[in-house]
Amino acid sequence: MKGEALGLLETKGFVGAIEAADAMVKAANVTLIGHKLSGAGLVTVMIRGDVGAVKAAVDAGAAAAKAVGEVVSVHVIPRPHTDTETMLPEGEKDNKADLNIGVED
């Protein structure tokens, strides 16, 4: 995943974050790498992919999240520095555990 663009979308509330995540992965060829709870109801959703796909996905995610809640911030970093990578979730196993919300079929 190193060398790929990083997309960040921050919402106020978890419902908006889930809606944004769903819209982003449906809108473009991006990988959902996780989310971060920042306190005060803020949730940041993180995606990776090529720059064009990440920009399109973040735009779609912001529109979807605005329909059900509040978007606080949106940002795309085209080429994150390698030191920035240490702040991000690692690997698919971590991502799946991080996004497990306990929904039963």
Protein backbone atom coordinates (compact mmCIF):
# COMPACT_ATOMS: atom_id res chain seq x y z
CA MET A 1 0.00 0.00 0.00
CA LYS A 2 2.99 2.28 0.27
CA GLY A 3 3.08 4.85 -2.51
CA GLU A 4 -0.69 4.96 -2.90
CA ALA A 5 -2.75 8.06 -2.20
CA LEU A 6 -4.41 8.37 1.20
CA GLY A 7 -7.98 9.62 1.53
CA LEU A 8 -9.36 10.85 4.85
CA LEU A 9 -12.98 11.68 5.58
CA GLU A 10 -14.04 12.82 9.04
CA THR A 11 -17.65 12.80 10.19
CA LYS A 12 -19.47 13.70 13.35
CA GLY A 13 -21.12 10.42 14.28
CA PHE A 14 -20.63 6.78 13.36
CA VAL A 15 -23.63 6.48 11.01
CA GLY A 16 -22.21 9.09 8.65
CA ALA A 17 -18.85 7.33 8.72
CA ILE A 18 -20.39 3.98 7.76
CA GLU A 19 -22.40 5.65 4.98
CA ALA A 20 -19.25 7.37 3.70
CA ALA A 21 -17.19 4.16 3.81
CA ASP A 22 -19.85 2.26 1.89
CA ALA A 23 -20.12 4.97 -0.78
CA MET A 24 -16.35 5.29 -1.16
CA VAL A 25 -15.66 1.61 -1.81
CA LYS A 26 -18.61 1.42 -4.22
CA ALA A 27 -17.61 4.58 -6.14
CA ALA A 28 -14.02 3.74 -7.07
CA ASN A 29 -11.29 1.12 -6.92
CA VAL A 30 -10.07 1.94 -3.40
CA THR A 31 -9.28 -0.07 -0.29
CA LEU A 32 -10.85 0.77 3.05
CA ILE A 33 -7.97 0.64 5.53
CA GLY A 34 -9.78 1.51 8.73
CA HIS A 35 -11.33 4.15 10.90
CA LYS A 36 -10.26 6.16 13.92
CA LEU A 37 -12.47 7.38 16.75
CA SER A 38 -11.14 10.77 17.84
CA GLY A 39 -13.55 11.59 20.65
CA ALA A 40 -16.47 14.03 20.76
CA GLY A 41 -18.25 11.83 18.21
CA LEU A 42 -15.63 12.34 15.50
CA VAL A 43 -14.84 9.39 13.23
CA THR A 44 -12.18 9.46 10.50
CA VAL A 45 -12.45 6.89 7.69
CA MET A 46 -9.25 6.11 5.75
CA ILE A 47 -8.91 4.72 2.22
CA ARG A 48 -6.00 3.98 -0.14
CA GLY A 49 -5.71 3.76 -3.92
CA ASP A 50 -4.45 5.71 -6.90
CA VAL A 51 -4.94 9.47 -6.73
CA GLY A 52 -7.86 9.72 -9.15
CA ALA A 53 -9.76 6.88 -7.53
CA VAL A 54 -9.20 8.25 -4.02
CA LYS A 55 -10.39 11.74 -5.05
CA ALA A 56 -13.54 10.31 -6.66
CA ALA A 57 -14.21 8.05 -3.69
CA VAL A 58 -13.77 10.83 -1.12
CA ASP A 59 -16.14 13.08 -3.08
CA ALA A 60 -18.76 10.31 -3.19
CA GLY A 61 -18.25 9.53 0.49
CA ALA A 62 -18.66 13.17 1.50
CA ALA A 63 -21.91 13.48 -0.45
CA ALA A 64 -23.28 10.28 1.09
CA ALA A 65 -22.29 11.25 4.63
CA LYS A 66 -23.85 14.71 4.27
CA ALA A 67 -27.17 13.04 3.45
CA VAL A 68 -27.32 11.35 6.88
CA GLY A 69 -25.09 13.47 9.10
CA GLU A 70 -22.27 15.99 9.27
CA VAL A 71 -18.98 15.96 7.37
CA VAL A 72 -16.27 17.71 9.36
CA SER A 73 -13.27 17.42 7.04
CA VAL A 74 -12.13 15.76 3.81
CA HIS A 75 -8.54 15.46 2.60
CA VAL A 76 -6.49 13.55 0.02
CA ILE A 77 -2.72 13.13 0.35
CA PRO A 78 -1.41 12.04 -3.08
CA ARG A 79 1.96 10.68 -1.89
CA PRO A 80 2.19 10.35 1.89
CA HIS A 81 5.73 10.39 3.30
CA THR A 82 6.92 7.02 4.59
CA ASP A 83 6.96 8.38 8.15
CA THR A 84 3.24 9.11 7.83
CA GLU A 85 2.64 5.42 7.17
CA THR A 86 3.41 4.64 10.83
CA MET A 87 0.17 6.39 11.84
CA LEU A 88 -2.01 4.16 9.65
CA PRO A 89 -3.59 0.76 10.35
CA GLU A 90 -1.53 -2.14 8.98
CA GLY A 91 -2.68 -5.11 6.92
CA GLU A 92 -6.03 -6.63 6.03
CA LYS A 93 -6.36 -8.56 9.31
CA ASP A 94 -6.22 -5.33 11.33
CA ASN A 95 -8.66 -3.63 8.97
CA LYS A 96 -11.30 -6.32 9.28
CA ALA A 97 -11.05 -6.35 13.06
CA ASP A 98 -11.11 -2.54 13.16
CA LEU A 99 -14.29 -2.34 11.10
CA ASN A 100 -16.18 -5.12 12.88
CA ILE A 101 -19.31 -3.48 14.26
CA GLY A 102 -21.03 -6.61 15.54
CA VAL A 103 -23.93 -6.73 13.09
CA GLU A 104 -25.64 -10.11 13.00
CA ASP A 105 -27.33 -11.61 9.92
